[in-house]
N, C-alpha and C. Protein backbone atom coordinates (compact mmCIF):
# COMPACT_ATOMS: atom_id res chain seq x y z
N MET A 1 -6.82 8.65 7.55
CA MET A 1 -6.15 7.47 8.06
C MET A 1 -4.65 7.65 7.94
N ASN A 2 -3.95 7.29 8.97
CA ASN A 2 -2.49 7.33 8.94
C ASN A 2 -1.95 5.97 8.54
N PHE A 3 -1.16 5.94 7.52
CA PHE A 3 -0.51 4.72 7.07
C PHE A 3 0.93 4.77 7.53
N SER A 4 1.30 3.79 8.34
CA SER A 4 2.65 3.78 8.89
C SER A 4 3.48 2.72 8.17
N PRO A 5 4.79 2.83 8.26
CA PRO A 5 5.65 1.84 7.61
C PRO A 5 5.40 0.41 8.12
N LYS A 6 4.98 0.27 9.37
CA LYS A 6 4.79 -1.05 9.97
C LYS A 6 3.38 -1.61 9.79
N MET A 7 2.51 -0.87 9.10
CA MET A 7 1.15 -1.35 8.84
C MET A 7 1.21 -2.48 7.82
N SER A 8 0.49 -3.56 8.09
CA SER A 8 0.49 -4.68 7.14
C SER A 8 -0.30 -4.28 5.89
N VAL A 9 0.04 -4.94 4.80
CA VAL A 9 -0.69 -4.70 3.55
C VAL A 9 -2.16 -5.05 3.74
N LYS A 10 -2.44 -6.16 4.41
CA LYS A 10 -3.83 -6.57 4.66
C LYS A 10 -4.58 -5.49 5.43
N GLU A 11 -3.96 -4.97 6.47
CA GLU A 11 -4.61 -3.92 7.26
C GLU A 11 -4.88 -2.69 6.40
N ALA A 12 -3.93 -2.32 5.56
CA ALA A 12 -4.11 -1.16 4.69
C ALA A 12 -5.26 -1.40 3.72
N PHE A 13 -5.33 -2.60 3.12
CA PHE A 13 -6.41 -2.92 2.18
C PHE A 13 -7.76 -2.97 2.90
N ASP A 14 -7.78 -3.54 4.10
CA ASP A 14 -9.03 -3.62 4.86
C ASP A 14 -9.51 -2.23 5.26
N THR A 15 -8.57 -1.36 5.59
CA THR A 15 -8.90 0.00 6.00
C THR A 15 -9.37 0.84 4.83
N GLU A 16 -8.71 0.66 3.69
CA GLU A 16 -9.02 1.48 2.52
C GLU A 16 -8.95 0.62 1.25
N PRO A 17 -10.06 -0.03 0.89
CA PRO A 17 -10.07 -0.91 -0.27
C PRO A 17 -9.64 -0.24 -1.58
N LEU A 18 -9.75 1.06 -1.69
CA LEU A 18 -9.31 1.78 -2.89
C LEU A 18 -7.83 1.53 -3.18
N LEU A 19 -7.07 1.20 -2.15
CA LEU A 19 -5.64 0.95 -2.33
C LEU A 19 -5.39 -0.27 -3.21
N ILE A 20 -6.31 -1.21 -3.24
CA ILE A 20 -6.14 -2.40 -4.07
C ILE A 20 -5.98 -1.99 -5.53
N LYS A 21 -6.86 -1.12 -5.99
CA LYS A 21 -6.77 -0.65 -7.38
C LYS A 21 -5.46 0.10 -7.61
N MET A 22 -5.07 0.93 -6.66
CA MET A 22 -3.83 1.69 -6.80
C MET A 22 -2.63 0.76 -6.89
N PHE A 23 -2.59 -0.26 -6.03
CA PHE A 23 -1.48 -1.21 -6.06
C PHE A 23 -1.44 -1.95 -7.40
N MET A 24 -2.63 -2.28 -7.94
CA MET A 24 -2.68 -2.95 -9.25
C MET A 24 -2.13 -2.02 -10.33
N GLU A 25 -2.51 -0.76 -10.30
CA GLU A 25 -2.04 0.21 -11.30
C GLU A 25 -0.53 0.39 -11.22
N LEU A 26 0.03 0.29 -10.02
CA LEU A 26 1.48 0.42 -9.84
C LEU A 26 2.21 -0.89 -10.11
N LYS A 27 1.43 -1.92 -10.46
CA LYS A 27 1.99 -3.25 -10.74
C LYS A 27 2.73 -3.84 -9.55
N LEU A 28 2.18 -3.59 -8.36
CA LEU A 28 2.72 -4.17 -7.14
C LEU A 28 2.02 -5.52 -6.96
N ASN A 29 2.78 -6.54 -6.68
CA ASN A 29 2.25 -7.91 -6.65
C ASN A 29 1.65 -8.30 -5.31
N CYS A 30 1.00 -7.38 -4.65
CA CYS A 30 0.45 -7.64 -3.32
C CYS A 30 -0.95 -8.25 -3.36
N ILE A 31 -1.67 -8.04 -4.44
CA ILE A 31 -3.05 -8.49 -4.52
C ILE A 31 -3.06 -10.02 -4.58
N GLY A 32 -3.72 -10.63 -3.60
CA GLY A 32 -3.82 -12.08 -3.57
C GLY A 32 -2.60 -12.77 -2.98
N CYS A 33 -1.61 -12.03 -2.58
CA CYS A 33 -0.40 -12.62 -2.01
C CYS A 33 -0.71 -13.15 -0.60
N PRO A 34 -0.31 -14.38 -0.31
CA PRO A 34 -0.59 -14.93 1.02
C PRO A 34 0.23 -14.27 2.13
N MET A 35 1.17 -13.44 1.78
CA MET A 35 2.00 -12.77 2.78
C MET A 35 1.45 -11.41 3.17
N ASP A 36 0.27 -11.03 2.64
CA ASP A 36 -0.23 -9.68 2.91
C ASP A 36 -0.48 -9.41 4.39
N GLU A 37 -0.69 -10.46 5.19
CA GLU A 37 -0.86 -10.27 6.64
C GLU A 37 0.45 -9.95 7.33
N PHE A 38 1.55 -10.36 6.70
CA PHE A 38 2.86 -10.24 7.32
C PHE A 38 3.71 -9.12 6.72
N HIS A 39 3.55 -8.88 5.42
CA HIS A 39 4.33 -7.81 4.78
C HIS A 39 3.76 -6.45 5.18
N THR A 40 4.67 -5.56 5.46
CA THR A 40 4.28 -4.20 5.82
C THR A 40 4.38 -3.31 4.59
N LEU A 41 3.83 -2.12 4.71
CA LEU A 41 3.97 -1.15 3.62
C LEU A 41 5.44 -0.83 3.37
N GLU A 42 6.21 -0.83 4.44
CA GLU A 42 7.66 -0.62 4.31
C GLU A 42 8.30 -1.74 3.50
N ASP A 43 7.88 -2.98 3.74
CA ASP A 43 8.39 -4.11 2.97
C ASP A 43 8.06 -3.95 1.49
N VAL A 44 6.84 -3.54 1.20
CA VAL A 44 6.41 -3.34 -0.19
C VAL A 44 7.31 -2.31 -0.87
N ALA A 45 7.55 -1.21 -0.17
CA ALA A 45 8.41 -0.17 -0.74
C ALA A 45 9.80 -0.72 -1.02
N LYS A 46 10.38 -1.40 -0.05
CA LYS A 46 11.74 -1.95 -0.22
C LYS A 46 11.80 -2.95 -1.36
N GLU A 47 10.84 -3.86 -1.42
CA GLU A 47 10.85 -4.92 -2.43
C GLU A 47 10.63 -4.38 -3.84
N ASN A 48 10.04 -3.20 -3.93
CA ASN A 48 9.76 -2.62 -5.24
C ASN A 48 10.63 -1.40 -5.53
N ASN A 49 11.69 -1.25 -4.74
CA ASN A 49 12.65 -0.15 -4.93
C ASN A 49 11.98 1.22 -4.99
N ILE A 50 11.04 1.43 -4.06
CA ILE A 50 10.35 2.71 -3.94
C ILE A 50 10.63 3.23 -2.53
N GLU A 51 10.98 4.49 -2.42
CA GLU A 51 11.14 5.06 -1.08
C GLU A 51 9.77 5.04 -0.41
N PHE A 52 9.76 4.72 0.89
CA PHE A 52 8.48 4.63 1.59
C PHE A 52 7.72 5.94 1.50
N GLU A 53 8.40 7.06 1.66
CA GLU A 53 7.71 8.36 1.60
C GLU A 53 7.04 8.59 0.25
N ARG A 54 7.66 8.08 -0.81
CA ARG A 54 7.06 8.21 -2.14
C ARG A 54 5.81 7.35 -2.24
N LEU A 55 5.88 6.11 -1.72
CA LEU A 55 4.71 5.24 -1.71
C LEU A 55 3.60 5.87 -0.89
N LEU A 56 3.94 6.41 0.26
CA LEU A 56 2.95 7.06 1.11
C LEU A 56 2.31 8.25 0.39
N GLY A 57 3.12 9.00 -0.34
CA GLY A 57 2.59 10.13 -1.11
C GLY A 57 1.58 9.67 -2.16
N LYS A 58 1.89 8.56 -2.83
CA LYS A 58 0.95 8.02 -3.83
C LYS A 58 -0.35 7.56 -3.17
N ILE A 59 -0.22 6.94 -1.99
CA ILE A 59 -1.41 6.50 -1.26
C ILE A 59 -2.28 7.71 -0.92
N GLN A 60 -1.67 8.73 -0.35
CA GLN A 60 -2.43 9.93 0.04
C GLN A 60 -3.06 10.61 -1.17
N LYS A 61 -2.32 10.70 -2.26
CA LYS A 61 -2.83 11.33 -3.49
C LYS A 61 -4.06 10.58 -3.99
N ASN A 62 -4.01 9.26 -4.00
CA ASN A 62 -5.15 8.46 -4.47
C ASN A 62 -6.34 8.59 -3.53
N LEU A 63 -6.09 8.66 -2.23
CA LEU A 63 -7.19 8.80 -1.29
C LEU A 63 -7.83 10.19 -1.40
N ASN A 64 -7.02 11.19 -1.70
CA ASN A 64 -7.56 12.54 -1.85
C ASN A 64 -8.45 12.64 -3.10
N LYS A 65 -8.15 11.85 -4.13
CA LYS A 65 -8.99 11.84 -5.34
C LYS A 65 -10.39 11.34 -5.01
N LYS A 66 -10.45 10.45 -4.03
CA LYS A 66 -11.72 9.83 -3.65
C LYS A 66 -12.68 10.86 -3.05
N LYS A 67 -12.13 11.89 -2.41
CA LYS A 67 -12.97 12.87 -1.69
C LYS A 67 -13.65 13.82 -2.61
């Protein structure tokens, strides 16, 4: 799955539920947030002072563990 900067958090969670656990471990406050339909992965990175490429790398690393 390709995760783009403009993908909503909800879409990412719906596509890959494993990301919920990863976001919790990173202490990202996206779980249960009513803005998950509107906030993008890029927004999450910006709001948490993480470069998007670094966040994407963590997502890919966690998904690769699943395989």
